[in-house]
């Protein structure tokens, strides 16, 4: 009888403990929800609602210069967009700008990471100096390059070109040189991001693999091609994805340096949408351009993530 009583008491205690654990878990979930709620509401207010309003606006004709013609037009803005040569031109410029800057950032960032990994002294100072461009505002970077680096006859780049016997160049007035300039500026500012990510990945690679390769008399190029690159592939793909999404939506530096000029030589899709909305006051069509940019960004990001999963 005593044994049966002890068993019953144990069962009651177990049930009570289980109920207490369930109640405690519920309280923890409520507390976590309360902590998450402010950030979630702020995210809705700053991203989701503006995005929905953007899509809603793109279905209307909203021309502030001719408000008497405003009204619901459905997909008409998108039909006009598909036949707009300036849209296709700005899309091509965006893709050229994005592909060029991302490739340069990965190559230069990886080269710097390999260089720093072989440094015996001064790694810390090099990292601090290299990360400085990232902490600057893109607008500030644009002003620095426009005023001190690319100014004809007085800028540092122009001075170096004259010293090398190439003569003074109109870096921001020539369509090709202007495109090269904005690509270099974006690469200069954001290469440190790729450099830091790849440097951290390099530091985590197992040294014993390299020791075995050296024993097998593998050259430096063979070690790099067959060991370093395959092991760094996840980090490289992630850098490509993150930098692609940012480059597609770049704005401040190009707007500050060239304003999309000369003409439309450096007018990326983001800048075209801005001009259409706030310079030409065609809010509805500008919203359709912004939605098109969003769709392009999502498609390219999805493709890159699919490639990453496949690898």
C-alpha atoms as a PDB file:
ATOM      1  CA  UNK A   1       0.000   0.000   0.000  1.00  0.00           C
ATOM      2  CA  UNK A   2       2.815   2.345   0.888  1.00  0.00           C
ATOM      3  CA  UNK A   3       4.432   1.659  -2.474  1.00  0.00           C
ATOM      4  CA  UNK A   4       1.186   2.418  -4.304  1.00  0.00           C
ATOM      5  CA  UNK A   5       0.826   5.659  -2.363  1.00  0.00           C
ATOM      6  CA  UNK A   6       4.374   6.713  -3.240  1.00  0.00           C
ATOM      7  CA  UNK A   7       3.729   5.973  -6.927  1.00  0.00           C
ATOM      8  CA  UNK A   8       0.547   8.066  -6.918  1.00  0.00           C
ATOM      9  CA  UNK A   9       2.353  10.926  -5.205  1.00  0.00           C
ATOM     10  CA  UNK A  10       5.142  10.737  -7.778  1.00  0.00           C
ATOM     11  CA  UNK A  11       2.618  10.848 -10.643  1.00  0.00           C
ATOM     12  CA  UNK A  12       0.888  13.872  -9.109  1.00  0.00           C
ATOM     13  CA  UNK A  13       4.229  15.598  -8.666  1.00  0.00           C
ATOM     14  CA  UNK A  14       5.162  14.803 -12.277  1.00  0.00           C
ATOM     15  CA  UNK A  15       1.878  16.199 -13.576  1.00  0.00           C
ATOM     16  CA  UNK A  16       2.271  19.313 -11.432  1.00  0.00           C
ATOM     17  CA  UNK A  17       5.842  19.806 -12.685  1.00  0.00           C
ATOM     18  CA  UNK A  18       4.693  19.348 -16.308  1.00  0.00           C
ATOM     19  CA  UNK A  19       1.909  21.918 -15.840  1.00  0.00           C
ATOM     20  CA  UNK A  20       4.367  24.330 -14.246  1.00  0.00           C
ATOM     21  CA  UNK A  21       6.773  23.882 -17.176  1.00  0.00           C
ATOM     22  CA  UNK A  22       3.938  24.494 -19.638  1.00  0.00           C
ATOM     23  CA  UNK A  23       2.878  27.675 -17.820  1.00  0.00           C
ATOM     24  CA  UNK A  24       6.494  28.857 -17.647  1.00  0.00           C
ATOM     25  CA  UNK A  25       6.940  28.263 -21.389  1.00  0.00           C
ATOM     26  CA  UNK A  26       3.770  30.258 -22.118  1.00  0.00           C
ATOM     27  CA  UNK A  27       5.032  33.135 -19.978  1.00  0.00           C
ATOM     28  CA  UNK A  28       8.367  33.114 -21.778  1.00  0.00           C
ATOM     29  CA  UNK A  29       6.627  33.221 -25.158  1.00  0.00           C
ATOM     30  CA  UNK A  30       4.477  36.155 -24.031  1.00  0.00           C
ATOM     31  CA  UNK A  31       7.546  37.971 -22.748  1.00  0.00           C
ATOM     32  CA  UNK A  32       9.398  37.314 -26.003  1.00  0.00           C
ATOM     33  CA  UNK A  33       6.386  38.608 -27.951  1.00  0.00           C
ATOM     34  CA  UNK A  34       6.346  41.798 -25.880  1.00  0.00           C
ATOM     35  CA  UNK A  35      10.037  42.337 -26.549  1.00  0.00           C
ATOM     36  CA  UNK A  36       9.596  41.704 -30.280  1.00  0.00           C
ATOM     37  CA  UNK A  37       6.428  43.764 -30.732  1.00  0.00           C
ATOM     38  CA  UNK A  38       8.026  47.284 -30.811  1.00  0.00           C
ATOM     39  CA  UNK A  39      10.636  46.256 -33.392  1.00  0.00           C
ATOM     40  CA  UNK A  40       8.011  44.409 -35.449  1.00  0.00           C
ATOM     41  CA  UNK A  41       5.662  47.395 -35.438  1.00  0.00           C
ATOM     42  CA  UNK A  42       8.507  49.734 -36.367  1.00  0.00           C
ATOM     43  CA  UNK A  43       9.417  47.392 -39.244  1.00  0.00           C
ATOM     44  CA  UNK A  44       5.815  47.417 -40.458  1.00  0.00           C
ATOM     45  CA  UNK A  45       5.669  51.194 -40.253  1.00  0.00           C
ATOM     46  CA  UNK A  46       8.964  51.815 -42.062  1.00  0.00           C
ATOM     47  CA  UNK A  47       8.999  49.056 -44.679  1.00  0.00           C
ATOM     48  CA  UNK A  48       5.776  47.100 -45.190  1.00  0.00           C
ATOM     49  CA  UNK A  49       3.290  49.984 -45.232  1.00  0.00           C
ATOM     50  CA  UNK A  50       5.449  52.196 -47.517  1.00  0.00           C
ATOM     51  CA  UNK A  51       5.948  49.235 -49.850  1.00  0.00           C
ATOM     52  CA  UNK A  52       2.203  48.570 -50.047  1.00  0.00           C
ATOM     53  CA  UNK A  53       1.559  52.271 -50.596  1.00  0.00           C
ATOM     54  CA  UNK A  54       4.201  52.294 -53.353  1.00  0.00           C
ATOM     55  CA  UNK A  55       2.454  49.430 -55.159  1.00  0.00           C
ATOM     56  CA  UNK A  56      -0.903  51.158 -54.659  1.00  0.00           C
ATOM     57  CA  UNK A  57       0.456  54.435 -56.057  1.00  0.00           C
ATOM     58  CA  UNK A  58       1.918  52.708 -59.106  1.00  0.00           C
ATOM     59  CA  UNK A  59      -1.626  51.817 -60.205  1.00  0.00           C
ATOM     60  CA  UNK A  60      -2.610  55.502 -60.396  1.00  0.00           C
ATOM     61  CA  UNK A  61      -1.778  58.399 -62.631  1.00  0.00           C
ATOM     62  CA  UNK A  62      -0.434  60.970 -60.153  1.00  0.00           C
ATOM     63  CA  UNK A  63       1.110  63.856 -62.059  1.00  0.00           C
ATOM     64  CA  UNK A  64       1.477  66.912 -59.842  1.00  0.00           C
ATOM     65  CA  UNK A  65       1.993  69.153 -62.870  1.00  0.00           C
ATOM     66  CA  UNK A  66      -1.416  68.105 -64.311  1.00  0.00           C
ATOM     67  CA  UNK A  67      -3.497  67.023 -61.304  1.00  0.00           C
ATOM     68  CA  UNK A  68      -6.779  67.248 -63.244  1.00  0.00           C
ATOM     69  CA  UNK A  69      -5.770  64.104 -65.179  1.00  0.00           C
ATOM     70  CA  UNK A  70      -5.029  62.015 -62.099  1.00  0.00           C
ATOM     71  CA  UNK A  71      -6.890  58.792 -61.463  1.00  0.00           C
ATOM     72  CA  UNK A  72      -6.769  55.019 -61.401  1.00  0.00           C
ATOM     73  CA  UNK A  73      -5.066  53.530 -64.480  1.00  0.00           C
ATOM     74  CA  UNK A  74      -4.380  49.943 -63.369  1.00  0.00           C
ATOM     75  CA  UNK A  75      -1.389  48.481 -65.210  1.00  0.00           C
ATOM     76  CA  UNK A  76      -1.084  51.378 -67.648  1.00  0.00           C
ATOM     77  CA  UNK A  77       2.086  52.714 -65.982  1.00  0.00           C
ATOM     78  CA  UNK A  78       3.739  49.326 -66.428  1.00  0.00           C
ATOM     79  CA  UNK A  79       2.717  49.178 -70.103  1.00  0.00           C
ATOM     80  CA  UNK A  80       4.298  52.601 -70.636  1.00  0.00           C
ATOM     81  CA  UNK A  81       7.366  51.421 -68.740  1.00  0.00           C
ATOM     82  CA  UNK A  82       7.925  48.456 -71.060  1.00  0.00           C
ATOM     83  CA  UNK A  83       7.988  50.774 -74.082  1.00  0.00           C
ATOM     84  CA  UNK A  84      10.156  53.409 -72.371  1.00  0.00           C
ATOM     85  CA  UNK A  85      13.665  53.459 -73.916  1.00  0.00           C
ATOM     86  CA  UNK A  86      14.966  55.454 -70.981  1.00  0.00           C
ATOM     87  CA  UNK A  87      13.828  52.711 -68.602  1.00  0.00           C
ATOM     88  CA  UNK A  88      15.704  50.031 -70.531  1.00  0.00           C
ATOM     89  CA  UNK A  89      18.774  52.245 -70.744  1.00  0.00           C
ATOM     90  CA  UNK A  90      18.755  52.874 -66.990  1.00  0.00           C
ATOM     91  CA  UNK A  91      18.257  49.145 -66.354  1.00  0.00           C
ATOM     92  CA  UNK A  92      21.306  48.326 -68.506  1.00  0.00           C
ATOM     93  CA  UNK A  93      23.335  50.990 -66.702  1.00  0.00           C
ATOM     94  CA  UNK A  94      22.254  49.515 -63.357  1.00  0.00           C
ATOM     95  CA  UNK A  95      23.304  46.006 -64.401  1.00  0.00           C
ATOM     96  CA  UNK A  96      26.670  47.180 -65.784  1.00  0.00           C
ATOM     97  CA  UNK A  97      27.284  49.212 -62.650  1.00  0.00           C
ATOM     98  CA  UNK A  98      26.319  46.326 -60.352  1.00  0.00           C
ATOM     99  CA  UNK A  99      28.274  43.603 -62.165  1.00  0.00           C
ATOM    100  CA  UNK A 100      31.399  45.765 -62.462  1.00  0.00           C
ATOM    101  CA  UNK A 101      31.454  46.894 -58.849  1.00  0.00           C
ATOM    102  CA  UNK A 102      30.682  43.475 -57.367  1.00  0.00           C
ATOM    103  CA  UNK A 103      33.377  41.710 -59.424  1.00  0.00           C
ATOM    104  CA  UNK A 104      35.960  44.355 -58.536  1.00  0.00           C
ATOM    105  CA  UNK A 105      35.048  44.263 -54.851  1.00  0.00           C
ATOM    106  CA  UNK A 106      35.417  40.482 -54.646  1.00  0.00           C
ATOM    107  CA  UNK A 107      38.730  40.419 -56.557  1.00  0.00           C
ATOM    108  CA  UNK A 108      40.328  43.360 -54.756  1.00  0.00           C
ATOM    109  CA  UNK A 109      38.918  42.306 -51.371  1.00  0.00           C
ATOM    110  CA  UNK A 110      40.276  38.780 -51.772  1.00  0.00           C
ATOM    111  CA  UNK A 111      43.669  40.089 -52.890  1.00  0.00           C
ATOM    112  CA  UNK A 112      43.870  42.387 -49.860  1.00  0.00           C
ATOM    113  CA  UNK A 113      42.799  39.569 -47.533  1.00  0.00           C
ATOM    114  CA  UNK A 114      45.519  37.266 -48.888  1.00  0.00           C
ATOM    115  CA  UNK A 115      48.064  40.074 -48.584  1.00  0.00           C
ATOM    116  CA  UNK A 116      47.138  40.860 -44.979  1.00  0.00           C
ATOM    117  CA  UNK A 117      47.154  37.182 -43.976  1.00  0.00           C
ATOM    118  CA  UNK A 118      50.841  37.057 -44.929  1.00  0.00           C
ATOM    119  CA  UNK A 119      51.741  40.213 -43.008  1.00  0.00           C
ATOM    120  CA  UNK A 120      53.898  39.651 -39.955  1.00  0.00           C
ATOM    121  CA  UNK A 121      53.229  43.048 -38.417  1.00  0.00           C
ATOM    122  CA  UNK A 122      50.683  45.834 -38.760  1.00  0.00           C
ATOM    123  CA  UNK A 123      47.599  43.727 -39.470  1.00  0.00           C
ATOM    124  CA  UNK A 124      45.553  45.629 -36.903  1.00  0.00           C
ATOM    125  CA  UNK A 125      46.470  49.051 -38.302  1.00  0.00           C
ATOM    126  CA  UNK A 126      45.789  47.904 -41.857  1.00  0.00           C
ATOM    127  CA  UNK A 127      42.324  46.671 -40.877  1.00  0.00           C
ATOM    128  CA  UNK A 128      41.467  49.976 -39.179  1.00  0.00           C
ATOM    129  CA  UNK A 129      42.602  52.027 -42.179  1.00  0.00           C
ATOM    130  CA  UNK A 130      40.887  49.736 -44.680  1.00  0.00           C
ATOM    131  CA  UNK A 131      37.509  49.907 -42.925  1.00  0.00           C
ATOM    132  CA  UNK A 132      37.372  53.740 -42.899  1.00  0.00           C
ATOM    133  CA  UNK A 133      35.609  54.182 -46.303  1.00  0.00           C
ATOM    134  CA  UNK A 134      32.715  51.966 -45.167  1.00  0.00           C
ATOM    135  CA  UNK A 135      31.860  54.182 -42.188  1.00  0.00           C
ATOM    136  CA  UNK A 136      31.542  57.271 -44.397  1.00  0.00           C
ATOM    137  CA  UNK A 137      28.191  58.339 -45.802  1.00  0.00           C
ATOM    138  CA  UNK A 138      27.885  57.693 -49.568  1.00  0.00           C
ATOM    139  CA  UNK A 139      26.964  61.359 -50.032  1.00  0.00           C
ATOM    140  CA  UNK A 140      30.145  62.419 -48.228  1.00  0.00           C
ATOM    141  CA  UNK A 141      32.174  59.977 -50.327  1.00  0.00           C
ATOM    142  CA  UNK A 142      30.638  61.455 -53.473  1.00  0.00           C
ATOM    143  CA  UNK A 143      31.515  65.004 -52.419  1.00  0.00           C
ATOM    144  CA  UNK A 144      35.093  64.002 -51.566  1.00  0.00           C
ATOM    145  CA  UNK A 145      35.654  62.367 -54.932  1.00  0.00           C
ATOM    146  CA  UNK A 146      33.909  65.112 -56.900  1.00  0.00           C
ATOM    147  CA  UNK A 147      35.776  67.940 -55.163  1.00  0.00           C
ATOM    148  CA  UNK A 148      39.218  66.601 -54.289  1.00  0.00           C
ATOM    149  CA  UNK A 149      39.811  63.623 -56.587  1.00  0.00           C
ATOM    150  CA  UNK A 150      38.113  64.187 -59.947  1.00  0.00           C
ATOM    151  CA  UNK A 151      38.075  67.966 -60.339  1.00  0.00           C
ATOM    152  CA  UNK A 152      39.743  68.905 -63.661  1.00  0.00           C
ATOM    153  CA  UNK A 153      43.302  70.281 -63.231  1.00  0.00           C
ATOM    154  CA  UNK A 154      42.978  70.532 -59.449  1.00  0.00           C
ATOM    155  CA  UNK A 155      41.908  67.016 -58.455  1.00  0.00           C
ATOM    156  CA  UNK A 156      44.389  64.385 -57.325  1.00  0.00           C
ATOM    157  CA  UNK A 157      43.444  61.916 -60.082  1.00  0.00           C
ATOM    158  CA  UNK A 158      43.764  64.588 -62.755  1.00  0.00           C
ATOM    159  CA  UNK A 159      47.124  65.694 -61.318  1.00  0.00           C
ATOM    160  CA  UNK A 160      48.405  62.114 -61.519  1.00  0.00           C
ATOM    161  CA  UNK A 161      47.120  61.816 -65.115  1.00  0.00           C
ATOM    162  CA  UNK A 162      48.909  65.034 -66.101  1.00  0.00           C
ATOM    163  CA  UNK A 163      52.093  63.870 -64.356  1.00  0.00           C
ATOM    164  CA  UNK A 164      51.934  60.584 -66.270  1.00  0.00           C
ATOM    165  CA  UNK A 165      51.685  62.462 -69.549  1.00  0.00           C
ATOM    166  CA  UNK A 166      48.062  61.566 -70.204  1.00  0.00           C
ATOM    167  CA  UNK A 167      46.839  65.134 -69.982  1.00  0.00           C
ATOM    168  CA  UNK A 168      43.858  66.573 -68.136  1.00  0.00           C
ATOM    169  CA  UNK A 169      40.624  64.623 -68.420  1.00  0.00           C
ATOM    170  CA  UNK A 170      37.025  65.662 -67.940  1.00  0.00           C
ATOM    171  CA  UNK A 171      36.314  62.731 -65.634  1.00  0.00           C
ATOM    172  CA  UNK A 172      32.693  63.592 -64.980  1.00  0.00           C
ATOM    173  CA  UNK A 173      31.885  65.221 -68.327  1.00  0.00           C
ATOM    174  CA  UNK A 174      32.763  62.309 -70.608  1.00  0.00           C
ATOM    175  CA  UNK A 175      30.094  59.541 -70.593  1.00  0.00           C
ATOM    176  CA  UNK A 176      32.578  56.640 -70.499  1.00  0.00           C
ATOM    177  CA  UNK A 177      34.902  58.247 -67.927  1.00  0.00           C
ATOM    178  CA  UNK A 178      31.915  59.222 -65.773  1.00  0.00           C
ATOM    179  CA  UNK A 179      30.741  55.596 -65.693  1.00  0.00           C
ATOM    180  CA  UNK A 180      34.245  54.408 -64.854  1.00  0.00           C
ATOM    181  CA  UNK A 181      34.458  57.037 -62.117  1.00  0.00           C
ATOM    182  CA  UNK A 182      31.253  56.013 -60.332  1.00  0.00           C
ATOM    183  CA  UNK A 183      32.259  52.342 -60.545  1.00  0.00           C
ATOM    184  CA  UNK A 184      35.637  53.170 -58.981  1.00  0.00           C
ATOM    185  CA  UNK A 185      34.002  55.246 -56.243  1.00  0.00           C
ATOM    186  CA  UNK A 186      31.561  52.501 -55.269  1.00  0.00           C
ATOM    187  CA  UNK A 187      34.340  49.909 -55.392  1.00  0.00           C
ATOM    188  CA  UNK A 188      36.617  52.071 -53.237  1.00  0.00           C
ATOM    189  CA  UNK A 189      33.963  52.544 -50.567  1.00  0.00           C
ATOM    190  CA  UNK A 190      32.648  48.982 -50.305  1.00  0.00           C
ATOM    191  CA  UNK A 191      35.674  46.793 -51.030  1.00  0.00           C
ATOM    192  CA  UNK A 192      36.583  46.891 -47.297  1.00  0.00           C
ATOM    193  CA  UNK A 193      33.372  44.979 -46.556  1.00  0.00           C
ATOM    194  CA  UNK A 194      34.409  42.133 -48.861  1.00  0.00           C
ATOM    195  CA  UNK A 195      37.954  42.373 -47.487  1.00  0.00           C
ATOM    196  CA  UNK A 196      36.863  41.954 -43.850  1.00  0.00           C
ATOM    197  CA  UNK A 197      34.496  39.051 -44.577  1.00  0.00           C
ATOM    198  CA  UNK A 198      37.046  37.184 -46.676  1.00  0.00           C
ATOM    199  CA  UNK A 199      39.838  37.900 -44.189  1.00  0.00           C
ATOM    200  CA  UNK A 200      37.779  36.390 -41.368  1.00  0.00           C
ATOM    201  CA  UNK A 201      37.045  33.356 -43.543  1.00  0.00           C
ATOM    202  CA  UNK A 202      40.723  32.952 -44.416  1.00  0.00           C
ATOM    203  CA  UNK A 203      41.698  33.089 -40.751  1.00  0.00           C
ATOM    204  CA  UNK A 204      39.321  30.212 -39.993  1.00  0.00           C
ATOM    205  CA  UNK A 205      40.711  27.832 -42.644  1.00  0.00           C
ATOM    206  CA  UNK A 206      42.500  24.741 -41.231  1.00  0.00           C
ATOM    207  CA  UNK A 207      46.275  25.073 -41.451  1.00  0.00           C
ATOM    208  CA  UNK A 208      46.932  21.320 -41.570  1.00  0.00           C
ATOM    209  CA  UNK A 209      45.492  21.117 -45.106  1.00  0.00           C
ATOM    210  CA  UNK A 210      48.055  23.641 -46.311  1.00  0.00           C
ATOM    211  CA  UNK A 211      50.835  21.794 -44.511  1.00  0.00           C
ATOM    212  CA  UNK A 212      49.854  18.568 -46.276  1.00  0.00           C
ATOM    213  CA  UNK A 213      49.795  20.412 -49.616  1.00  0.00           C
ATOM    214  CA  UNK A 214      53.279  21.826 -49.005  1.00  0.00           C
ATOM    215  CA  UNK A 215      54.567  18.345 -48.155  1.00  0.00           C
ATOM    216  CA  UNK A 216      53.108  17.158 -51.482  1.00  0.00           C
ATOM    217  CA  UNK A 217      55.039  20.035 -53.148  1.00  0.00           C
ATOM    218  CA  UNK A 218      51.945  21.895 -54.307  1.00  0.00           C
ATOM    219  CA  UNK A 219      52.760  25.366 -55.617  1.00  0.00           C
ATOM    220  CA  UNK A 220      51.240  28.534 -54.187  1.00  0.00           C
ATOM    221  CA  UNK A 221      48.872  28.797 -57.174  1.00  0.00           C
ATOM    222  CA  UNK A 222      47.782  25.162 -56.792  1.00  0.00           C
ATOM    223  CA  UNK A 223      47.100  25.702 -53.067  1.00  0.00           C
ATOM    224  CA  UNK A 224      45.090  28.800 -53.857  1.00  0.00           C
ATOM    225  CA  UNK A 225      43.078  27.207 -56.683  1.00  0.00           C
ATOM    226  CA  UNK A 226      42.429  23.798 -55.126  1.00  0.00           C
ATOM    227  CA  UNK A 227      42.219  24.627 -51.415  1.00  0.00           C
ATOM    228  CA  UNK A 228      41.627  28.316 -50.700  1.00  0.00           C
ATOM    229  CA  UNK A 229      39.004  29.090 -53.357  1.00  0.00           C
ATOM    230  CA  UNK A 230      36.810  26.003 -52.713  1.00  0.00           C
ATOM    231  CA  UNK A 231      36.856  26.631 -48.962  1.00  0.00           C
ATOM    232  CA  UNK A 232      36.105  30.336 -49.434  1.00  0.00           C
ATOM    233  CA  UNK A 233      33.243  29.724 -51.897  1.00  0.00           C
ATOM    234  CA  UNK A 234      30.415  30.128 -49.302  1.00  0.00           C
ATOM    235  CA  UNK A 235      31.873  33.429 -48.077  1.00  0.00           C
ATOM    236  CA  UNK A 236      32.447  34.685 -51.627  1.00  0.00           C
ATOM    237  CA  UNK A 237      28.888  33.832 -52.681  1.00  0.00           C
ATOM    238  CA  UNK A 238      27.471  35.590 -49.606  1.00  0.00           C
ATOM    239  CA  UNK A 239      29.547  38.708 -50.336  1.00  0.00           C
ATOM    240  CA  UNK A 240      28.312  38.663 -53.942  1.00  0.00           C
ATOM    241  CA  UNK A 241      24.681  38.394 -52.825  1.00  0.00           C
ATOM    242  CA  UNK A 242      24.897  41.197 -50.258  1.00  0.00           C
ATOM    243  CA  UNK A 243      26.877  43.562 -52.460  1.00  0.00           C
ATOM    244  CA  UNK A 244      24.605  42.917 -55.459  1.00  0.00           C
ATOM    245  CA  UNK A 245      21.489  43.867 -53.513  1.00  0.00           C
ATOM    246  CA  UNK A 246      23.141  47.075 -52.300  1.00  0.00           C
ATOM    247  CA  UNK A 247      24.627  48.029 -55.688  1.00  0.00           C
ATOM    248  CA  UNK A 248      21.279  47.622 -57.452  1.00  0.00           C
ATOM    249  CA  UNK A 249      19.732  50.173 -55.103  1.00  0.00           C
ATOM    250  CA  UNK A 250      22.684  52.585 -55.002  1.00  0.00           C
ATOM    251  CA  UNK A 251      21.755  56.257 -55.150  1.00  0.00           C
ATOM    252  CA  UNK A 252      23.535  58.808 -52.955  1.00  0.00           C
ATOM    253  CA  UNK A 253      27.082  58.614 -54.335  1.00  0.00           C
ATOM    254  CA  UNK A 254      26.017  58.710 -58.000  1.00  0.00           C
ATOM    255  CA  UNK A 255      23.516  61.485 -57.331  1.00  0.00           C
ATOM    256  CA  UNK A 256      26.196  63.535 -55.570  1.00  0.00           C
ATOM    257  CA  UNK A 257      28.979  62.954 -58.098  1.00  0.00           C
ATOM    258  CA  UNK A 258      27.254  63.014 -61.495  1.00  0.00           C
ATOM    259  CA  UNK A 259      23.534  63.423 -60.876  1.00  0.00           C
ATOM    260  CA  UNK A 260      23.068  60.687 -63.476  1.00  0.00           C
ATOM    261  CA  UNK A 261      24.968  62.627 -66.124  1.00  0.00           C
ATOM    262  CA  UNK A 262      26.383  63.579 -68.405  1.00  0.00           C
ATOM    263  CA  UNK A 263      22.973  63.223 -69.979  1.00  0.00           C
ATOM    264  CA  UNK A 264      21.826  59.799 -68.829  1.00  0.00           C
ATOM    265  CA  UNK A 265      25.236  58.073 -68.991  1.00  0.00           C
ATOM    266  CA  UNK A 266      25.238  57.162 -65.289  1.00  0.00           C
ATOM    267  CA  UNK A 267      21.492  57.241 -64.667  1.00  0.00           C
ATOM    268  CA  UNK A 268      20.762  53.984 -62.879  1.00  0.00           C
ATOM    269  CA  UNK A 269      17.178  52.803 -62.433  1.00  0.00           C
ATOM    270  CA  UNK A 270      16.966  54.059 -58.866  1.00  0.00           C
ATOM    271  CA  UNK A 271      18.016  57.544 -59.968  1.00  0.00           C
ATOM    272  CA  UNK A 272      15.594  57.508 -62.912  1.00  0.00           C
ATOM    273  CA  UNK A 273      12.720  56.678 -60.554  1.00  0.00           C
ATOM    274  CA  UNK A 274      13.778  59.561 -58.294  1.00  0.00           C
ATOM    275  CA  UNK A 275      13.972  62.023 -61.184  1.00  0.00           C
ATOM    276  CA  UNK A 276      10.621  60.929 -62.573  1.00  0.00           C
ATOM    277  CA  UNK A 277       8.939  61.303 -59.172  1.00  0.00           C
ATOM    278  CA  UNK A 278      10.502  64.440 -57.700  1.00  0.00           C
ATOM    279  CA  UNK A 279      11.855  66.365 -60.683  1.00  0.00           C
ATOM    280  CA  UNK A 280       9.223  65.649 -63.319  1.00  0.00           C
ATOM    281  CA  UNK A 281       6.547  65.234 -60.582  1.00  0.00           C
ATOM    282  CA  UNK A 282       5.108  62.054 -62.119  1.00  0.00           C
ATOM    283  CA  UNK A 283       4.596  60.190 -58.844  1.00  0.00           C
ATOM    284  CA  UNK A 284       2.581  57.309 -60.284  1.00  0.00           C
ATOM    285  CA  UNK A 285       5.045  56.451 -63.030  1.00  0.00           C
ATOM    286  CA  UNK A 286       7.973  56.931 -60.666  1.00  0.00           C
ATOM    287  CA  UNK A 287       6.355  54.447 -58.287  1.00  0.00           C
ATOM    288  CA  UNK A 288       6.031  51.938 -61.145  1.00  0.00           C
ATOM    289  CA  UNK A 289       9.750  52.366 -61.851  1.00  0.00           C
ATOM    290  CA  UNK A 290      10.537  51.749 -58.189  1.00  0.00           C
ATOM    291  CA  UNK A 291       8.400  48.595 -58.192  1.00  0.00           C
ATOM    292  CA  UNK A 292      10.220  47.422 -61.338  1.00  0.00           C
ATOM    293  CA  UNK A 293      13.548  47.941 -59.541  1.00  0.00           C
ATOM    294  CA  UNK A 294      12.225  45.939 -56.602  1.00  0.00           C
ATOM    295  CA  UNK A 295      11.194  43.097 -58.899  1.00  0.00           C
ATOM    296  CA  UNK A 296      14.609  43.058 -60.602  1.00  0.00           C
ATOM    297  CA  UNK A 297      16.376  43.023 -57.231  1.00  0.00           C
ATOM    298  CA  UNK A 298      14.216  40.171 -55.920  1.00  0.00           C
ATOM    299  CA  UNK A 299      14.718  38.097 -59.087  1.00  0.00           C
ATOM    300  CA  UNK A 300      18.499  38.515 -59.100  1.00  0.00           C
ATOM    301  CA  UNK A 301      18.712  37.818 -55.359  1.00  0.00           C
ATOM    302  CA  UNK A 302      16.576  34.685 -55.744  1.00  0.00           C
ATOM    303  CA  UNK A 303      18.838  33.433 -58.545  1.00  0.00           C
ATOM    304  CA  UNK A 304      21.960  34.024 -56.451  1.00  0.00           C
ATOM    305  CA  UNK A 305      20.463  32.277 -53.411  1.00  0.00           C
ATOM    306  CA  UNK A 306      19.433  29.337 -55.623  1.00  0.00           C
ATOM    307  CA  UNK A 307      22.989  29.081 -56.939  1.00  0.00           C
ATOM    308  CA  UNK A 308      24.292  29.169 -53.372  1.00  0.00           C
ATOM    309  CA  UNK A 309      21.955  26.354 -52.285  1.00  0.00           C
ATOM    310  CA  UNK A 310      22.871  24.327 -55.351  1.00  0.00           C
ATOM    311  CA  UNK A 311      26.571  24.617 -54.609  1.00  0.00           C
END
